[in-house]
Every structure is written in C-alpha cells, then in structure tokens.
Amino acid sequence: MSKLLVKADKGHGRVAHVTPQNAGWTYVGFDLHRLRPGGTASGQTANREVCLVFVT
C-alpha cells in the first residue's frame, strides 16, 4: 500500500497534482482545485475516465 501524503499549495486554482507514477499506483491520479465562490476548473482528460468530488 502506498503511503502517499500530499500537502496542497496555497492559493486558488490547481493546488495539488498526483499521477499514478508519482503516487506509486497503477491507475488512479487526481488534481485538487481550490475555487473561489463562483469559480470554475478545467482540464484535459484524454481518454481517461473522470470522477468529480465536490467538498465544501
């Protein structure tokens, strides 16, 4: 099992980026976006599945 520990950058926009390679995983990676009220996030997914998780 991976012992991944990532601290998000300060500010807004993409504040963390984890790939399967830098996490030591096989498939899953993720980006963490911190948004201002009414803000948006975008990115490229190529041919990968995407899961969005909203946290308030």
Foldseek 3Di string as FASTA:
>chain_A
DFPDDDDFQDDFAFGDWFDCVVRVHDHDIDTDTHADVVGDHDDDDDPHDDDDDDDD
